[in-house]
N, C-alpha and C. Protein backbone atom coordinates (compact mmCIF):
# COMPACT_ATOMS: atom_id res chain seq x y z
N MET A 1 -5.27 5.59 -71.70
CA MET A 1 -6.98 5.72 -71.02
C MET A 1 -7.00 7.20 -71.13
N ASP A 2 -8.05 7.49 -71.61
CA ASP A 2 -8.96 8.88 -70.96
C ASP A 2 -8.49 9.61 -70.20
N ARG A 3 -7.85 10.11 -69.75
CA ARG A 3 -7.75 11.15 -68.82
C ARG A 3 -8.81 12.14 -68.29
N ASP A 4 -9.55 12.68 -69.61
CA ASP A 4 -10.70 13.84 -69.69
C ASP A 4 -12.03 12.56 -69.34
N ARG A 5 -12.15 11.81 -70.05
CA ARG A 5 -13.03 10.30 -69.62
C ARG A 5 -13.04 10.37 -67.68
N VAL A 6 -11.66 9.94 -67.54
CA VAL A 6 -11.62 9.72 -66.18
C VAL A 6 -12.15 10.74 -65.33
N VAL A 7 -11.73 12.01 -65.52
CA VAL A 7 -11.50 13.22 -64.54
C VAL A 7 -13.57 13.45 -64.57
N ARG A 8 -13.81 13.28 -66.13
CA ARG A 8 -15.45 13.43 -66.02
C ARG A 8 -16.10 12.49 -64.57
N LEU A 9 -15.72 11.01 -65.14
CA LEU A 9 -16.68 10.57 -64.33
C LEU A 9 -16.11 10.53 -62.68
N THR A 10 -15.00 10.94 -62.29
CA THR A 10 -14.76 10.67 -61.30
C THR A 10 -15.82 12.27 -60.09
N ASP A 11 -15.35 13.09 -61.39
CA ASP A 11 -16.17 14.22 -61.19
C ASP A 11 -17.62 14.63 -60.58
N GLU A 12 -17.84 13.43 -61.09
CA GLU A 12 -19.77 13.03 -61.77
C GLU A 12 -19.84 11.90 -59.78
N ILE A 13 -18.90 11.41 -59.42
CA ILE A 13 -19.34 10.50 -58.23
C ILE A 13 -19.11 11.93 -56.94
N TYR A 14 -17.64 12.74 -57.25
CA TYR A 14 -18.06 13.62 -56.32
C TYR A 14 -18.66 14.58 -56.10
N ASP A 15 -19.74 14.57 -57.40
CA ASP A 15 -20.55 15.85 -57.08
C ASP A 15 -21.77 15.27 -56.26
N ARG A 16 -21.80 13.81 -56.33
CA ARG A 16 -23.18 13.36 -55.42
C ARG A 16 -22.61 13.03 -54.20
N ILE A 17 -21.51 13.74 -53.76
CA ILE A 17 -21.31 13.36 -52.15
C ILE A 17 -21.90 14.40 -51.15
N GLU A 18 -23.10 14.41 -50.98
CA GLU A 18 -23.70 15.49 -49.99
C GLU A 18 -22.76 16.43 -48.94
N ASP A 19 -21.88 15.97 -48.08
CA ASP A 19 -21.35 16.50 -47.59
C ASP A 19 -20.71 17.61 -47.91
N PRO A 20 -20.87 18.87 -47.66
CA PRO A 20 -19.95 19.75 -49.06
C PRO A 20 -18.49 19.57 -48.56
N ALA A 21 -18.11 19.94 -47.17
CA ALA A 21 -16.92 19.73 -47.35
C ALA A 21 -16.24 18.51 -47.83
N TRP A 22 -16.49 16.93 -48.12
CA TRP A 22 -15.98 16.29 -48.19
C TRP A 22 -15.81 16.07 -49.94
N ARG A 23 -17.08 16.96 -50.61
CA ARG A 23 -17.08 17.07 -51.89
C ARG A 23 -16.27 17.75 -52.43
N ILE A 24 -16.20 19.26 -51.53
CA ILE A 24 -15.30 19.93 -52.04
C ILE A 24 -13.46 19.63 -52.07
N ARG A 25 -13.59 19.16 -51.14
CA ARG A 25 -12.45 18.35 -50.82
C ARG A 25 -12.05 17.12 -51.85
N ALA A 26 -12.69 16.59 -52.09
CA ALA A 26 -12.48 15.43 -53.12
C ALA A 26 -12.25 16.41 -54.37
N ILE A 27 -13.00 17.10 -55.03
CA ILE A 27 -12.95 17.52 -56.23
C ILE A 27 -11.52 18.62 -56.21
N SER A 28 -11.63 19.13 -55.07
CA SER A 28 -10.23 19.93 -54.95
C SER A 28 -9.08 19.33 -54.97
N HIS A 29 -8.86 18.51 -54.08
CA HIS A 29 -7.40 17.50 -54.01
C HIS A 29 -7.13 16.80 -54.91
N SER A 30 -8.15 16.13 -55.43
CA SER A 30 -7.98 15.09 -56.60
C SER A 30 -7.55 15.64 -57.60
N HIS A 31 -8.43 17.33 -58.05
CA HIS A 31 -7.52 17.95 -59.41
C HIS A 31 -6.13 18.57 -59.29
N ALA A 32 -5.62 18.55 -57.68
CA ALA A 32 -4.54 19.35 -57.47
C ALA A 32 -3.57 18.38 -57.12
N VAL A 33 -3.46 16.77 -57.40
CA VAL A 33 -3.19 16.05 -56.91
C VAL A 33 -2.57 15.64 -58.66
N ALA A 34 -3.25 15.42 -58.95
CA ALA A 34 -3.22 14.91 -60.44
C ALA A 34 -2.43 16.14 -61.32
N SER A 35 -2.89 17.50 -61.03
CA SER A 35 -1.77 18.56 -61.92
C SER A 35 -0.22 18.36 -61.01
N LEU A 36 -0.34 18.02 -59.64
CA LEU A 36 1.32 17.92 -59.46
C LEU A 36 1.47 16.94 -59.67
N ALA A 37 0.97 15.79 -59.71
CA ALA A 37 1.59 14.40 -60.11
C ALA A 37 2.41 14.48 -61.66
N ALA A 38 1.01 15.46 -62.43
CA ALA A 38 1.68 15.23 -63.99
C ALA A 38 3.15 16.40 -64.08
N LEU A 39 2.96 16.86 -63.53
CA LEU A 39 4.30 18.31 -63.04
C LEU A 39 5.63 17.16 -62.83
N LEU A 40 5.50 16.56 -61.68
CA LEU A 40 6.46 16.26 -61.11
C LEU A 40 6.83 14.81 -62.28
N ALA A 41 6.33 14.36 -62.56
CA ALA A 41 6.09 13.40 -63.80
C ALA A 41 7.35 13.74 -64.99
N ARG A 42 6.72 14.91 -65.59
CA ARG A 42 7.49 15.75 -66.60
C ARG A 42 9.08 15.76 -66.21
N VAL A 43 9.55 16.36 -64.69
CA VAL A 43 10.52 17.08 -63.95
C VAL A 43 11.63 15.51 -64.05
N ARG A 44 10.77 15.00 -64.04
CA ARG A 44 11.36 13.21 -63.71
C ARG A 44 11.57 12.58 -64.91
N GLY A 45 10.92 12.93 -65.98
CA GLY A 45 11.24 11.98 -67.27
C GLY A 45 10.13 10.91 -66.99
N LEU A 46 9.09 10.84 -66.43
CA LEU A 46 8.30 9.90 -66.41
C LEU A 46 7.09 10.29 -67.41
N ASP A 47 6.01 9.05 -67.25
CA ASP A 47 4.76 9.80 -68.18
C ASP A 47 3.52 10.41 -67.04
N ALA A 48 3.70 11.23 -67.76
CA ALA A 48 2.75 12.75 -67.19
C ALA A 48 1.26 12.60 -66.72
N GLU A 49 0.76 11.39 -67.85
CA GLU A 49 -0.47 11.64 -68.12
C GLU A 49 -1.12 9.97 -67.43
N LEU A 50 -0.44 9.09 -66.76
CA LEU A 50 -0.26 8.11 -66.41
C LEU A 50 0.00 8.85 -65.07
N ALA A 51 0.62 9.78 -64.85
CA ALA A 51 0.74 10.04 -63.32
C ALA A 51 -0.52 11.08 -62.68
N ALA A 52 -1.06 11.16 -63.80
CA ALA A 52 -2.04 12.31 -63.39
C ALA A 52 -3.11 11.36 -63.02
N LEU A 53 -3.49 10.23 -63.91
CA LEU A 53 -4.45 9.43 -63.76
C LEU A 53 -4.03 8.64 -62.33
N CYS A 54 -3.14 8.44 -61.46
CA CYS A 54 -2.88 8.00 -60.35
C CYS A 54 -3.24 9.76 -59.20
N GLY A 55 -3.09 10.28 -59.78
CA GLY A 55 -3.66 11.23 -58.61
C GLY A 55 -4.71 11.58 -58.72
N GLN A 56 -5.59 11.57 -60.00
CA GLN A 56 -6.97 11.59 -60.22
C GLN A 56 -7.64 10.44 -59.15
N LEU A 57 -7.42 9.24 -59.21
CA LEU A 57 -7.70 8.60 -58.50
C LEU A 57 -7.11 8.02 -57.27
N HIS A 58 -6.21 8.71 -56.73
CA HIS A 58 -5.54 8.01 -55.44
C HIS A 58 -6.72 8.18 -54.05
N ASP A 59 -7.39 8.92 -53.89
CA ASP A 59 -8.68 8.76 -52.81
C ASP A 59 -9.80 8.38 -53.59
N LEU A 60 -10.02 7.81 -54.59
CA LEU A 60 -11.30 7.53 -54.81
C LEU A 60 -12.31 6.87 -53.61
N ALA A 61 -11.24 5.68 -53.06
CA ALA A 61 -11.82 5.18 -51.87
C ALA A 61 -12.67 5.85 -50.84
N ALA A 62 -11.83 6.43 -50.51
CA ALA A 62 -11.86 7.52 -49.33
C ALA A 62 -12.77 8.24 -49.45
N TYR A 63 -13.13 8.83 -50.58
CA TYR A 63 -14.23 9.91 -51.11
C TYR A 63 -15.40 9.00 -51.35
N GLU A 64 -15.62 7.59 -51.91
CA GLU A 64 -16.66 7.13 -51.71
C GLU A 64 -17.24 6.52 -50.59
N ARG A 65 -16.26 6.42 -49.78
CA ARG A 65 -16.73 5.84 -48.36
C ARG A 65 -16.85 7.03 -47.41
N LEU A 66 -16.58 7.98 -47.79
CA LEU A 66 -16.05 8.85 -46.66
C LEU A 66 -15.37 8.60 -45.41
N SER A 67 -14.50 8.37 -45.71
CA SER A 67 -13.48 7.36 -44.62
C SER A 67 -12.11 7.63 -45.27
N TYR A 68 -11.08 7.80 -44.32
CA TYR A 68 -9.35 7.84 -44.79
C TYR A 68 -8.85 6.60 -44.25
N ASP A 69 -9.95 5.74 -43.69
CA ASP A 69 -9.56 4.31 -42.80
C ASP A 69 -9.18 3.08 -43.85
N ASN A 70 -7.94 2.94 -43.52
CA ASN A 70 -7.45 1.79 -44.75
C ASN A 70 -7.71 2.41 -46.37
N HIS A 71 -7.39 3.68 -46.63
CA HIS A 71 -7.71 3.78 -47.80
C HIS A 71 -7.04 3.85 -49.06
N ALA A 72 -5.93 3.53 -48.27
CA ALA A 72 -4.18 3.29 -49.91
C ALA A 72 -4.65 1.98 -50.37
N ALA A 73 -4.75 1.25 -49.14
CA ALA A 73 -4.88 -0.26 -49.78
C ALA A 73 -6.49 -0.22 -50.86
N LEU A 74 -8.14 0.08 -50.07
CA LEU A 74 -8.55 -0.01 -50.76
C LEU A 74 -8.75 0.92 -51.98
N GLY A 75 -8.24 2.47 -51.69
CA GLY A 75 -8.16 3.06 -53.16
C GLY A 75 -6.99 2.41 -54.23
N ALA A 76 -6.27 1.52 -53.99
CA ALA A 76 -5.47 1.05 -55.07
C ALA A 76 -6.49 -0.25 -55.53
N GLU A 77 -7.00 -0.92 -54.88
CA GLU A 77 -8.28 -1.60 -55.52
C GLU A 77 -9.46 -1.11 -56.40
N ARG A 78 -9.86 -0.33 -55.70
CA ARG A 78 -10.91 0.89 -56.20
C ARG A 78 -10.20 1.40 -57.69
N ALA A 79 -9.13 1.91 -57.32
CA ALA A 79 -8.70 2.37 -59.00
C ALA A 79 -8.24 1.55 -60.18
N VAL A 80 -7.86 0.01 -59.77
CA VAL A 80 -7.92 -0.78 -60.59
C VAL A 80 -8.97 -1.27 -61.06
N GLN A 81 -10.37 -1.53 -60.29
CA GLN A 81 -11.50 -1.93 -60.85
C GLN A 81 -12.07 -0.89 -61.70
N PHE A 82 -12.24 0.51 -61.54
CA PHE A 82 -12.24 1.87 -61.76
C PHE A 82 -12.04 1.79 -63.82
N LEU A 83 -10.62 1.88 -63.45
CA LEU A 83 -9.89 1.91 -64.68
C LEU A 83 -10.22 0.67 -66.06
N ARG A 84 -10.66 -1.02 -65.15
CA ARG A 84 -11.18 -1.91 -65.87
C ARG A 84 -12.14 -1.84 -66.03
N GLU A 85 -13.38 -1.38 -65.86
CA GLU A 85 -14.84 -0.55 -66.20
C GLU A 85 -14.91 0.21 -67.36
N LEU A 86 -13.82 1.10 -67.49
CA LEU A 86 -13.47 2.03 -68.38
C LEU A 86 -12.84 1.62 -69.41
N GLY A 87 -12.14 -0.06 -69.59
CA GLY A 87 -11.96 -0.58 -70.23
C GLY A 87 -10.36 -0.67 -70.50
N GLU A 88 -9.76 -0.35 -69.29
CA GLU A 88 -8.05 -0.73 -69.43
C GLU A 88 -7.64 -1.66 -69.51
N GLN A 89 -6.96 -2.28 -70.28
CA GLN A 89 -6.67 -3.51 -70.52
C GLN A 89 -4.88 -4.01 -69.80
N ASP A 90 -4.75 -2.71 -70.20
CA ASP A 90 -2.91 -2.52 -70.35
C ASP A 90 -2.76 -3.04 -68.45
N GLU A 91 -2.01 -4.52 -68.48
CA GLU A 91 -1.61 -4.88 -67.04
C GLU A 91 -0.38 -3.91 -66.51
N SER A 92 0.11 -3.88 -67.07
CA SER A 92 1.36 -2.71 -66.91
C SER A 92 0.85 -1.23 -66.21
N VAL A 93 0.00 -0.96 -67.05
CA VAL A 93 -0.55 0.39 -66.61
C VAL A 93 -1.40 0.01 -64.84
N LEU A 94 -2.14 -0.93 -64.96
CA LEU A 94 -2.86 -1.59 -63.73
C LEU A 94 -1.92 -1.83 -62.87
N CYS A 95 -0.73 -2.28 -62.87
CA CYS A 95 0.07 -2.68 -61.92
C CYS A 95 0.48 -1.04 -61.45
N LEU A 96 1.15 -0.26 -62.08
CA LEU A 96 2.08 1.31 -61.49
C LEU A 96 0.63 2.06 -61.14
N VAL A 97 -0.47 1.51 -61.50
CA VAL A 97 -1.88 2.63 -60.76
C VAL A 97 -1.77 1.97 -59.09
N HIS A 98 -1.90 0.74 -59.08
CA HIS A 98 -2.55 0.02 -57.84
C HIS A 98 -0.95 0.51 -57.19
N SER A 99 0.19 0.19 -57.58
CA SER A 99 1.07 0.06 -56.32
C SER A 99 1.48 1.66 -56.28
N ALA A 100 1.01 2.70 -56.97
CA ALA A 100 1.22 4.08 -56.52
C ALA A 100 0.05 4.66 -55.53
N ILE A 101 -0.69 4.43 -55.92
CA ILE A 101 -2.14 4.38 -54.87
C ILE A 101 -1.65 3.28 -53.64
N LEU A 102 -1.30 2.38 -53.27
CA LEU A 102 -1.31 1.37 -52.18
C LEU A 102 0.00 1.89 -51.66
N ARG A 103 1.26 2.54 -52.07
CA ARG A 103 1.83 3.37 -51.56
C ARG A 103 2.19 4.61 -51.06
N HIS A 104 1.56 5.41 -51.69
CA HIS A 104 0.87 6.64 -51.53
C HIS A 104 1.01 7.57 -50.12
N ASP A 105 0.71 6.75 -48.80
CA ASP A 105 1.09 7.57 -47.90
C ASP A 105 2.50 7.04 -46.76
N ASP A 106 3.18 6.15 -47.19
CA ASP A 106 4.62 5.53 -47.15
C ASP A 106 5.65 6.53 -47.14
N LEU A 107 5.28 7.83 -46.71
CA LEU A 107 6.34 8.74 -47.07
C LEU A 107 7.90 8.38 -46.23
N GLY A 108 7.71 7.48 -45.46
CA GLY A 108 9.08 6.83 -44.83
C GLY A 108 9.76 5.51 -46.12
N LYS A 109 9.33 5.45 -46.63
CA LYS A 109 10.14 4.88 -47.54
C LYS A 109 10.02 5.29 -49.08
N THR A 110 11.39 4.48 -49.38
CA THR A 110 11.58 5.04 -51.23
C THR A 110 10.99 4.23 -51.75
N ASP A 111 10.00 3.98 -52.78
CA ASP A 111 9.67 2.91 -53.93
C ASP A 111 9.56 3.52 -54.97
N GLY A 112 8.98 2.94 -55.97
CA GLY A 112 9.40 2.78 -57.36
C GLY A 112 9.06 4.11 -57.51
N PRO A 113 9.36 4.86 -58.71
CA PRO A 113 9.04 6.25 -59.60
C PRO A 113 7.99 6.62 -59.43
N MET A 114 7.20 5.82 -60.20
CA MET A 114 5.62 6.60 -60.07
C MET A 114 5.61 6.39 -58.70
N ASP A 115 5.57 5.63 -57.93
CA ASP A 115 4.94 5.88 -56.52
C ASP A 115 5.64 7.07 -56.14
N GLU A 116 6.89 7.35 -55.97
CA GLU A 116 7.49 8.60 -55.44
C GLU A 116 6.59 9.72 -55.89
N VAL A 117 5.99 9.84 -57.34
CA VAL A 117 5.73 10.83 -58.07
C VAL A 117 4.33 11.39 -57.26
N LEU A 118 3.26 10.28 -56.79
CA LEU A 118 2.47 10.13 -56.18
C LEU A 118 2.33 10.88 -54.72
N LYS A 119 3.35 10.28 -53.89
CA LYS A 119 3.39 10.62 -52.82
C LYS A 119 3.85 12.02 -52.71
N ASP A 120 4.77 12.78 -53.74
CA ASP A 120 5.26 13.78 -53.30
C ASP A 120 4.05 14.70 -53.70
N ALA A 121 3.16 14.68 -54.62
CA ALA A 121 2.24 15.21 -55.58
C ALA A 121 1.10 15.57 -53.98
N ASP A 122 0.88 14.47 -53.50
CA ASP A 122 0.22 13.98 -52.80
C ASP A 122 -0.16 15.15 -51.27
N LEU A 123 1.64 14.96 -50.87
CA LEU A 123 2.13 15.64 -49.96
C LEU A 123 2.10 17.54 -50.34
N LEU A 124 2.24 17.75 -51.48
CA LEU A 124 2.24 19.19 -51.57
C LEU A 124 1.29 19.91 -51.44
N ASP A 125 0.34 19.19 -52.08
CA ASP A 125 -1.00 19.39 -51.55
C ASP A 125 -1.83 19.50 -50.00
N ASN A 126 -1.54 18.13 -49.53
CA ASN A 126 -1.64 18.30 -48.12
C ASN A 126 -1.24 19.41 -47.34
N ALA A 127 0.27 19.41 -47.70
CA ALA A 127 1.28 20.47 -46.55
C ALA A 127 0.63 22.06 -46.89
N GLN A 128 -0.08 22.03 -47.69
CA GLN A 128 -0.42 23.24 -48.23
C GLN A 128 -2.00 24.15 -46.79
N LEU A 129 -2.30 22.89 -46.60
CA LEU A 129 -3.56 22.78 -45.74
C LEU A 129 -3.48 23.17 -44.33
N ARG A 130 -1.70 22.63 -43.99
CA ARG A 130 -1.55 22.21 -42.58
C ARG A 130 -0.49 23.69 -42.47
N ALA A 131 -0.59 24.28 -40.97
CA ALA A 131 0.47 24.98 -40.18
C ALA A 131 1.51 24.20 -39.91
N PRO A 132 2.65 25.02 -40.85
CA PRO A 132 4.16 24.12 -40.63
C PRO A 132 4.49 23.37 -39.58
N GLU A 133 4.49 23.42 -38.63
CA GLU A 133 4.09 23.11 -37.15
C GLU A 133 3.75 21.73 -37.04
N LYS A 134 2.61 21.70 -37.96
CA LYS A 134 2.03 20.44 -37.49
C LYS A 134 2.62 19.33 -38.73
N LEU A 135 3.67 19.51 -39.66
CA LEU A 135 4.18 18.74 -40.43
C LEU A 135 5.27 17.84 -39.69
N ARG A 136 4.86 16.64 -40.06
CA ARG A 136 5.83 15.44 -39.43
C ARG A 136 7.31 15.27 -39.77
N PRO A 137 8.17 15.13 -39.26
CA PRO A 137 9.69 14.99 -39.76
C PRO A 137 10.08 14.43 -41.28
N GLU A 138 9.01 13.30 -41.35
CA GLU A 138 9.10 12.42 -43.01
C GLU A 138 8.96 13.44 -43.62
N GLU A 139 7.82 13.98 -43.27
CA GLU A 139 6.76 15.00 -44.71
C GLU A 139 7.77 16.51 -44.77
N ILE A 140 8.51 16.67 -43.63
CA ILE A 140 9.37 17.94 -44.04
C ILE A 140 10.38 17.59 -44.53
N LYS A 141 11.06 15.86 -44.35
CA LYS A 141 12.56 15.71 -45.45
C LYS A 141 11.86 15.68 -46.61
N ARG A 142 11.19 15.26 -46.93
CA ARG A 142 9.99 14.73 -48.49
C ARG A 142 10.05 16.28 -48.90
N LEU A 143 9.51 17.12 -48.31
CA LEU A 143 9.24 18.41 -48.78
C LEU A 143 10.59 19.40 -49.11
N CYS A 144 11.32 19.01 -48.39
CA CYS A 144 12.60 19.52 -48.54
C CYS A 144 13.29 19.46 -49.96
N ARG A 145 13.31 17.80 -50.05
CA ARG A 145 13.97 17.05 -51.57
C ARG A 145 12.93 17.81 -52.50
N VAL A 146 11.75 17.81 -52.44
CA VAL A 146 10.77 18.39 -53.45
C VAL A 146 10.90 19.68 -54.10
N PHE A 147 10.92 20.61 -53.00
CA PHE A 147 11.12 21.81 -53.06
C PHE A 147 12.53 22.12 -53.44
N GLU A 148 13.47 21.66 -53.34
CA GLU A 148 15.16 21.51 -54.00
C GLU A 148 14.87 21.28 -55.59
N GLU A 149 14.34 20.27 -55.37
CA GLU A 149 14.35 19.63 -57.11
C GLU A 149 13.02 20.51 -57.85
N LEU A 150 12.55 21.36 -57.16
CA LEU A 150 11.70 22.13 -58.24
C LEU A 150 12.58 23.94 -58.40
N GLY A 151 13.56 23.96 -57.58
CA GLY A 151 14.13 25.09 -57.58
C GLY A 151 13.23 26.06 -56.58
N ILE A 152 12.54 25.57 -55.68
CA ILE A 152 11.57 26.59 -54.56
C ILE A 152 12.70 26.41 -53.66
N ARG A 153 12.94 28.13 -53.24
CA ARG A 153 13.62 28.07 -52.13
C ARG A 153 12.58 28.11 -50.91
N GLN A 154 11.26 28.46 -50.73
CA GLN A 154 10.60 28.60 -49.47
C GLN A 154 10.79 27.31 -48.52
N ASN A 155 10.63 27.83 -47.41
CA ASN A 155 10.91 26.78 -46.05
C ASN A 155 9.97 26.17 -45.92
N PRO A 156 10.14 24.85 -46.15
CA PRO A 156 8.72 24.46 -45.98
C PRO A 156 8.02 23.99 -44.52
N TYR A 157 8.89 24.43 -43.68
CA TYR A 157 8.92 23.75 -42.52
C TYR A 157 8.56 25.14 -41.83
N GLY A 158 8.20 26.53 -41.89
CA GLY A 158 8.32 27.70 -41.06
C GLY A 158 8.82 28.71 -41.53
N ALA A 159 8.56 29.72 -41.06
CA ALA A 159 9.53 31.17 -41.43
C ALA A 159 9.81 31.33 -40.14
N GLY A 160 11.17 31.89 -40.59
CA GLY A 160 12.51 31.65 -39.02
C GLY A 160 13.31 30.48 -39.26
N GLN A 161 12.83 29.60 -39.76
CA GLN A 161 14.06 28.58 -39.67
C GLN A 161 14.87 28.57 -41.04
N ALA A 162 15.63 28.83 -40.91
CA ALA A 162 16.39 28.49 -41.68
C ALA A 162 17.55 27.16 -42.61
N THR A 163 17.67 26.40 -41.44
CA THR A 163 17.69 24.98 -41.81
C THR A 163 16.83 24.14 -41.57
N VAL A 164 16.87 22.52 -41.68
CA VAL A 164 16.29 21.28 -41.15
C VAL A 164 16.66 21.69 -40.08
N PRO A 165 15.47 21.17 -38.88
CA PRO A 165 15.58 21.25 -37.50
C PRO A 165 16.10 19.81 -37.21
N ASN A 166 17.22 20.11 -35.94
CA ASN A 166 18.22 19.06 -35.95
C ASN A 166 17.25 17.70 -35.31
N SER A 167 15.87 17.82 -34.89
CA SER A 167 15.12 16.61 -34.77
C SER A 167 15.25 15.73 -35.95
N ILE A 168 15.25 15.95 -37.35
CA ILE A 168 14.92 15.12 -37.87
C ILE A 168 15.90 13.95 -38.63
C-alpha cells in the first residue's frame, strides 16, 4: 500500500473537519503517531511502512465522527474498509492493521508486536500533551519501557522523581 496516497487521502478527510481544534489534532496526531510508529518498528525490526499506515489510520473513525467513543473498535473496521477501497487485498496486512488499531488503547495488556508498536507510538504522542501527574500508572510503566528502549534518560513521570513511584 502506498503510504503517501494514504496520507494524502486521510489529510483530505481531516481538512474537511469544520472544528479547528479537531482538524488540527487529527492532522498533527495522525502524522506524529505514523512517524513514531515507523521509528519504533525500525528499532524493533518490524515493517516500518505497515507501522506508519497503522499510525496514520488509527484514529480515523474518531476524527470522522468527532468522538472517541468506541473509537478503537470502530477505527479498526474503518481502517480495513479504507484500505480495501484503496485496493489493498493482502489479508495478512488487513489483519495486522485491524489488530493494531483495535488494541491500541489497551495499554495494560501485551499483544502482538505491531499492536505494541502502535500502542507505544500513540502513547508517546499523547503523553507529550498531558502534565506528568495526569499520566495513569500503566502509561508511566509503558513510557519507562519505551524510553529505556530508545535510550532516553528523561523521566516520563515528572521532574524531581528519580524512580518509578511505589504505587506502580
